[in-house]
Amino acid sequence: MYGFLQHLINGLAAGTIYALVALGYTMVYGVLKLINFAHGDVMMVGVYVGYAVAFLMGREHFGTFAGVMLVFLVSMLACAAFGLLIERFAYRPLREKPRLTSLITAIGISFALSYGFQLDLAVNLGGTSYTLLPGAASRAFPEIIVPNQWFEFGSDDQSVIIWNWQVISFLIAAALMVGLQLLVFKTRFGRAMRAVSFDHRVAALLGIPVDRVIAGTFMLGSALAACAGLLYAIKDTSVQPLMGMYIGLKAFVAAVIGGIGNVPGAVVGALALGLCEEFVVGYTSSSWRDAVAFGFLILVLLAKPEGLFGRVQAEKV
């Protein structure tokens, strides 16, 4: 029983991280009908920005509320600006082109970021060396949140442990997801997003600033991805350029399971995927983790091709 509860807690903590990344996929798809395969790599950029900010502010600020907030805010703002640049210069010129063109562009951006960050590039200014690109080697993410046990119950040989990073991760993810739901359904910007997702040409005729709404969607999704990346780095501690490709693919699977384009569906799909992976690792073998995760996707799509919360829509071709 204790083992089951521990796996349940671990799976929910992992699922919340997947959910924040999956929300970016589902928002962009809902507005543009575009699968932004570079989204996971934007998350990776956010992790490296947080890594740089943590070391620039110094170890004396690790574990402080102000230090943690600074790392998260700078990383999220940097990724929001980066997402804006990608949308403006990579996707906007292709908006009226066939969808396959945008899809290939997204894959190209993903590979450019993943393998571009493996370059080891530095400049020397005034006798001081500054790293521009980090190189392919894995790095240990600094302990901006010192891990400790917040709660433990059970006997000496069997117990359930809840770590502080798990609680913090869950609370941050839950707050952001609730905030996003309120933004989409209770604000003027959210109404504009839903109008653009229905038909961006009609929305433009009604006076809605379509370009601004789409850019804001990319910025919002990129900021959520940066937050998810930092939470993942705090948990896993190992940072490397290909991490975004791996996590992004899992988050995309979660979004498809829930019904891509549906915000609550992305959250439910991510939590289901996180629990599925954790129970597979706990009761079988870690080598089965990816196989079972994608097998779960296949089963869901066989039963409901539109996803758990998706809706079948007729499409004119």
Protein backbone atom coordinates (compact mmCIF):
# COMPACT_ATOMS: atom_id res chain seq x y z
CA MET A 1 0.00 0.00 0.00
CA TYR A 2 2.79 2.43 0.89
CA GLY A 3 4.58 1.65 -2.35
CA PHE A 4 1.41 2.37 -4.34
CA LEU A 5 0.92 5.73 -2.60
CA GLN A 6 4.55 6.69 -3.22
CA HIS A 7 4.26 5.90 -6.92
CA LEU A 8 0.98 7.82 -7.05
CA ILE A 9 2.63 10.94 -5.60
CA ASN A 10 5.66 10.64 -7.88
CA GLY A 11 3.45 10.13 -10.94
CA LEU A 12 1.32 13.19 -10.18
CA ALA A 13 4.46 15.32 -9.67
CA ALA A 14 5.84 14.20 -13.04
CA GLY A 15 2.44 14.66 -14.71
CA THR A 16 2.17 18.30 -13.63
CA ILE A 17 5.45 19.07 -15.41
CA TYR A 18 4.25 17.34 -18.58
CA ALA A 19 1.00 19.29 -18.27
CA LEU A 20 2.68 22.72 -18.36
CA VAL A 21 4.52 21.80 -21.56
CA ALA A 22 1.45 20.13 -23.08
CA LEU A 23 -0.58 23.31 -22.54
CA GLY A 24 1.75 25.15 -24.91
CA TYR A 25 1.20 22.54 -27.60
CA THR A 26 -2.55 22.57 -27.18
CA MET A 27 -2.87 26.39 -27.12
CA VAL A 28 -0.85 26.88 -30.30
CA TYR A 29 -2.72 24.07 -32.03
CA GLY A 30 -6.06 25.47 -30.88
CA VAL A 31 -5.27 28.90 -32.32
CA LEU A 32 -3.21 28.06 -35.43
CA LYS A 33 -3.83 24.33 -36.02
CA LEU A 34 -0.03 24.02 -35.90
CA ILE A 35 2.01 21.40 -34.06
CA ASN A 36 4.90 23.46 -32.71
CA PHE A 37 7.56 20.75 -32.43
CA ALA A 38 10.09 23.38 -31.30
CA HIS A 39 8.13 23.92 -28.09
CA GLY A 40 10.13 21.41 -26.05
CA ASP A 41 13.37 23.03 -27.19
CA VAL A 42 12.10 26.44 -26.10
CA MET A 43 11.69 24.81 -22.70
CA MET A 44 15.33 23.71 -22.87
CA VAL A 45 16.41 27.29 -23.63
CA GLY A 46 14.50 28.42 -20.54
CA VAL A 47 16.35 25.88 -18.40
CA TYR A 48 19.73 27.16 -19.60
CA VAL A 49 18.64 30.76 -18.96
CA GLY A 50 17.67 29.76 -15.42
CA TYR A 51 21.00 27.96 -15.04
CA ALA A 52 22.88 31.12 -16.04
CA VAL A 53 20.79 33.39 -13.79
CA ALA A 54 21.30 31.09 -10.79
CA PHE A 55 25.09 31.22 -11.08
CA LEU A 56 25.17 34.95 -11.79
CA MET A 57 23.22 35.77 -8.62
CA GLY A 58 25.56 33.58 -6.48
CA ARG A 59 25.17 30.65 -4.10
CA GLU A 60 24.25 32.90 -1.19
CA HIS A 61 20.84 33.43 -2.82
CA PHE A 62 20.13 29.72 -3.41
CA GLY A 63 17.12 28.55 -1.44
CA THR A 64 15.79 32.08 -0.82
CA PHE A 65 12.36 33.11 -2.02
CA ALA A 66 13.74 36.14 -3.87
CA GLY A 67 16.41 34.04 -5.57
CA VAL A 68 13.94 31.38 -6.73
CA MET A 69 11.49 34.01 -8.00
CA LEU A 70 14.27 35.78 -9.90
CA VAL A 71 15.34 32.57 -11.66
CA PHE A 72 11.78 31.70 -12.63
CA LEU A 73 10.77 35.20 -13.74
CA VAL A 74 13.87 35.86 -15.86
CA SER A 75 13.65 32.42 -17.48
CA MET A 76 9.93 32.77 -18.24
CA LEU A 77 10.34 36.29 -19.64
CA ALA A 78 13.29 35.23 -21.79
CA CYS A 79 11.34 32.28 -23.21
CA ALA A 80 8.28 34.47 -23.82
CA ALA A 81 10.48 36.83 -25.88
CA PHE A 82 12.06 33.87 -27.65
CA GLY A 83 8.64 32.44 -28.49
CA LEU A 84 7.61 35.83 -29.88
CA LEU A 85 10.68 35.88 -32.15
CA ILE A 86 9.99 32.36 -33.42
CA GLU A 87 6.37 33.20 -34.21
CA ARG A 88 7.24 36.51 -35.86
CA PHE A 89 10.08 35.38 -38.11
CA ALA A 90 9.46 31.63 -38.62
CA TYR A 91 5.71 30.96 -38.48
CA ARG A 92 3.96 34.21 -39.39
CA PRO A 93 5.36 34.38 -42.96
CA LEU A 94 4.06 30.82 -43.50
CA ARG A 95 0.60 31.31 -42.02
CA GLU A 96 -1.22 31.18 -45.37
CA LYS A 97 1.00 28.40 -46.73
CA PRO A 98 0.11 24.69 -46.56
CA ARG A 99 0.27 23.30 -43.01
CA LEU A 100 2.99 20.87 -44.00
CA THR A 101 5.31 23.83 -44.63
CA SER A 102 4.87 25.14 -41.09
CA LEU A 103 5.26 21.63 -39.67
CA ILE A 104 8.59 21.10 -41.45
CA THR A 105 9.72 24.54 -40.28
CA ALA A 106 8.87 23.64 -36.68
CA ILE A 107 10.90 20.43 -36.94
CA GLY A 108 13.80 22.42 -38.43
CA ILE A 109 13.73 24.93 -35.55
CA SER A 110 13.66 22.06 -33.07
CA PHE A 111 16.76 20.42 -34.53
CA ALA A 112 18.53 23.78 -34.86
CA LEU A 113 18.03 24.51 -31.16
CA SER A 114 18.77 20.98 -29.93
CA TYR A 115 22.00 20.56 -31.83
CA GLY A 116 22.95 24.24 -31.93
CA PHE A 117 23.13 24.28 -28.13
CA GLN A 118 25.64 21.42 -28.29
CA LEU A 119 28.21 23.83 -29.73
CA ASP A 120 30.80 25.05 -27.24
CA LEU A 121 31.10 28.77 -27.97
CA ALA A 122 32.53 31.50 -25.74
CA VAL A 123 33.83 35.04 -26.16
CA ASN A 124 36.54 36.85 -24.23
CA LEU A 125 35.79 40.44 -23.25
CA GLY A 126 38.19 42.38 -21.08
CA GLY A 127 39.96 39.25 -19.93
CA THR A 128 36.73 37.55 -18.86
CA SER A 129 35.33 34.58 -20.77
CA TYR A 130 31.57 34.53 -21.40
CA THR A 131 29.82 31.35 -22.55
CA LEU A 132 27.40 31.89 -25.43
CA LEU A 133 26.55 28.24 -26.13
CA PRO A 134 26.95 25.61 -23.40
CA GLY A 135 28.27 22.55 -25.25
CA ALA A 136 26.96 18.97 -25.31
CA ALA A 137 28.09 17.92 -21.83
CA SER A 138 25.44 17.43 -19.14
CA ARG A 139 25.48 19.95 -16.32
CA ALA A 140 24.15 19.75 -12.80
CA PHE A 141 21.42 22.29 -12.25
CA PRO A 142 22.10 24.39 -9.12
CA GLU A 143 20.05 23.67 -6.01
CA ILE A 144 17.96 26.83 -6.02
CA ILE A 145 15.44 24.79 -4.00
CA VAL A 146 17.29 22.64 -1.47
CA PRO A 147 15.52 19.24 -1.40
CA ASN A 148 14.18 18.10 1.94
CA GLN A 149 11.38 15.92 3.24
CA TRP A 150 8.23 17.81 4.08
CA PHE A 151 6.13 14.87 5.14
CA GLU A 152 6.65 11.19 5.88
CA PHE A 153 4.38 8.51 7.23
CA GLY A 154 4.58 4.75 7.60
CA SER A 155 6.89 2.28 9.29
CA ASP A 156 10.68 2.17 9.17
CA ASP A 157 10.87 -0.38 6.37
CA GLN A 158 7.91 0.99 4.38
CA SER A 159 7.01 4.66 4.24
CA VAL A 160 5.67 7.36 1.96
CA ILE A 161 7.86 10.44 1.52
CA ILE A 162 6.68 13.76 0.13
CA TRP A 163 9.51 16.07 -0.87
CA ASN A 164 9.33 19.85 -0.84
CA TRP A 165 10.04 20.09 -4.58
CA GLN A 166 7.05 17.82 -5.27
CA VAL A 167 4.70 20.06 -3.30
CA ILE A 168 6.15 23.24 -4.81
CA SER A 169 5.97 21.76 -8.32
CA PHE A 170 2.36 20.70 -7.85
CA LEU A 171 1.28 24.05 -6.36
CA ILE A 172 3.01 26.12 -9.05
CA ALA A 173 1.65 23.96 -11.86
CA ALA A 174 -1.87 23.94 -10.39
CA ALA A 175 -1.86 27.73 -9.94
CA LEU A 176 -0.64 28.32 -13.51
CA MET A 177 -3.15 25.87 -14.98
CA VAL A 178 -6.07 27.43 -13.09
CA GLY A 179 -4.85 30.88 -14.10
CA LEU A 180 -4.67 29.81 -17.74
CA GLN A 181 -8.19 28.41 -17.60
CA LEU A 182 -9.46 31.70 -16.17
CA LEU A 183 -7.52 33.65 -18.80
CA VAL A 184 -9.04 31.65 -21.66
CA PHE A 185 -12.65 31.73 -20.46
CA LYS A 186 -12.95 34.87 -18.30
CA THR A 187 -10.90 37.58 -20.02
CA ARG A 188 -11.10 39.63 -23.19
CA PHE A 189 -7.84 38.16 -24.45
CA GLY A 190 -9.21 34.66 -23.88
CA ARG A 191 -12.33 35.46 -25.90
CA ALA A 192 -10.10 36.76 -28.68
CA MET A 193 -8.06 33.54 -28.57
CA ARG A 194 -11.20 31.44 -28.91
CA ALA A 195 -12.44 33.60 -31.77
CA VAL A 196 -9.13 33.29 -33.62
CA SER A 197 -9.13 29.53 -33.05
CA PHE A 198 -12.56 29.31 -34.67
CA ASP A 199 -11.61 31.28 -37.80
CA HIS A 200 -8.80 33.82 -37.84
CA ARG A 201 -10.03 35.46 -41.06
CA VAL A 202 -13.49 36.14 -39.65
CA ALA A 203 -11.92 37.28 -36.37
CA ALA A 204 -9.81 39.83 -38.29
CA LEU A 205 -12.94 41.16 -40.04
CA LEU A 206 -14.53 41.65 -36.61
CA GLY A 207 -11.64 43.86 -35.52
CA ILE A 208 -9.72 41.35 -33.44
CA PRO A 209 -5.92 41.89 -33.70
CA VAL A 210 -5.13 38.39 -34.92
CA ASP A 211 -1.35 38.84 -35.09
CA ARG A 212 -1.25 40.17 -31.55
CA VAL A 213 -3.40 37.33 -30.22
CA ILE A 214 -1.30 34.65 -31.90
CA ALA A 215 1.93 36.27 -30.69
CA GLY A 216 0.52 36.44 -27.16
CA THR A 217 -0.42 32.76 -27.33
CA PHE A 218 3.13 31.82 -28.31
CA MET A 219 4.56 33.98 -25.53
CA LEU A 220 2.24 32.49 -22.93
CA GLY A 221 2.97 28.91 -23.99
CA SER A 222 6.72 29.54 -24.05
CA ALA A 223 6.63 31.03 -20.54
CA LEU A 224 4.77 27.97 -19.23
CA ALA A 225 7.34 25.72 -20.92
CA ALA A 226 10.18 27.59 -19.18
CA CYS A 227 8.49 27.10 -15.81
CA ALA A 228 8.02 23.39 -16.53
CA GLY A 229 11.66 23.06 -17.56
CA LEU A 230 12.90 24.61 -14.32
CA LEU A 231 10.66 22.35 -12.24
CA TYR A 232 11.98 19.36 -14.15
CA ALA A 233 15.60 20.50 -13.72
CA ILE A 234 15.10 20.95 -9.97
CA LYS A 235 13.79 17.38 -9.81
CA ASP A 236 16.20 15.70 -12.21
CA THR A 237 19.20 18.09 -11.73
CA SER A 238 20.80 17.00 -15.02
CA VAL A 239 20.68 19.58 -17.83
CA GLN A 240 21.66 18.86 -21.42
CA PRO A 241 20.66 20.21 -24.87
CA LEU A 242 18.53 17.22 -25.92
CA MET A 243 16.32 17.30 -22.83
CA GLY A 244 13.74 19.49 -24.59
CA MET A 245 13.29 17.05 -27.46
CA TYR A 246 12.60 14.17 -25.05
CA ILE A 247 10.26 16.02 -22.69
CA GLY A 248 8.56 17.84 -25.55
CA LEU A 249 7.72 14.57 -27.26
CA LYS A 250 6.21 13.20 -24.03
CA ALA A 251 4.20 16.38 -23.53
CA PHE A 252 2.95 16.17 -27.12
CA VAL A 253 1.82 12.60 -26.44
CA ALA A 254 -0.01 13.85 -23.34
CA ALA A 255 -1.73 16.60 -25.34
CA VAL A 256 -2.87 14.09 -27.99
CA ILE A 257 -4.13 11.68 -25.33
CA GLY A 258 -6.25 14.41 -23.75
CA GLY A 259 -7.44 15.76 -27.09
CA ILE A 260 -5.13 18.34 -28.62
CA GLY A 261 -6.65 21.80 -28.60
CA ASN A 262 -8.48 21.13 -25.32
CA VAL A 263 -6.90 22.75 -22.22
CA PRO A 264 -8.42 20.48 -19.51
CA GLY A 265 -7.73 17.50 -21.77
CA ALA A 266 -4.02 18.36 -21.94
CA VAL A 267 -3.86 18.42 -18.12
CA VAL A 268 -5.71 15.12 -17.74
CA GLY A 269 -3.62 13.47 -20.47
CA ALA A 270 -0.38 14.66 -18.83
CA LEU A 271 -1.38 13.39 -15.40
CA ALA A 272 -2.45 10.06 -16.89
CA LEU A 273 0.87 9.75 -18.73
CA GLY A 274 2.87 10.64 -15.63
CA LEU A 275 1.03 8.03 -13.54
CA CYS A 276 1.35 5.41 -16.29
CA GLU A 277 5.13 5.92 -16.52
CA GLU A 278 5.64 5.89 -12.76
CA PHE A 279 3.68 2.68 -12.18
CA VAL A 280 5.52 0.99 -15.05
CA VAL A 281 8.88 1.95 -13.56
CA GLY A 282 7.78 0.98 -10.05
CA TYR A 283 6.27 -2.41 -10.83
CA THR A 284 8.14 -3.59 -13.93
CA SER A 285 11.30 -2.04 -15.35
CA SER A 286 12.41 1.48 -16.26
CA SER A 287 13.31 0.24 -19.76
CA TRP A 288 9.59 -0.25 -20.40
CA ARG A 289 8.73 3.37 -19.58
CA ASP A 290 8.67 4.78 -23.13
CA ALA A 291 7.18 1.68 -24.74
CA VAL A 292 4.22 1.63 -22.36
CA ALA A 293 3.73 5.40 -22.66
CA PHE A 294 3.43 5.25 -26.44
CA GLY A 295 1.43 2.03 -26.20
CA PHE A 296 -1.01 3.92 -23.97
CA LEU A 297 -1.27 6.59 -26.68
CA ILE A 298 -2.03 3.96 -29.33
CA LEU A 299 -4.75 2.38 -27.19
CA VAL A 300 -6.40 5.74 -26.52
CA LEU A 301 -6.35 6.68 -30.20
CA LEU A 302 -7.76 3.30 -31.22
CA ALA A 303 -10.68 3.80 -28.84
CA LYS A 304 -11.06 7.58 -29.33
CA PRO A 305 -9.10 8.95 -32.31
CA GLU A 306 -9.87 12.52 -31.23
CA GLY A 307 -8.45 11.97 -27.72
CA LEU A 308 -10.18 11.68 -24.35
CA PHE A 309 -11.72 15.16 -24.41
CA GLY A 310 -11.43 15.99 -28.10
CA ARG A 311 -14.36 16.46 -30.43
CA VAL A 312 -14.78 15.10 -33.90
CA GLN A 313 -14.89 17.97 -36.38
CA ALA A 314 -15.69 17.82 -40.06
CA GLU A 315 -12.93 19.35 -42.15
CA LYS A 316 -13.34 20.58 -45.69
CA VAL A 317 -10.53 19.35 -47.96
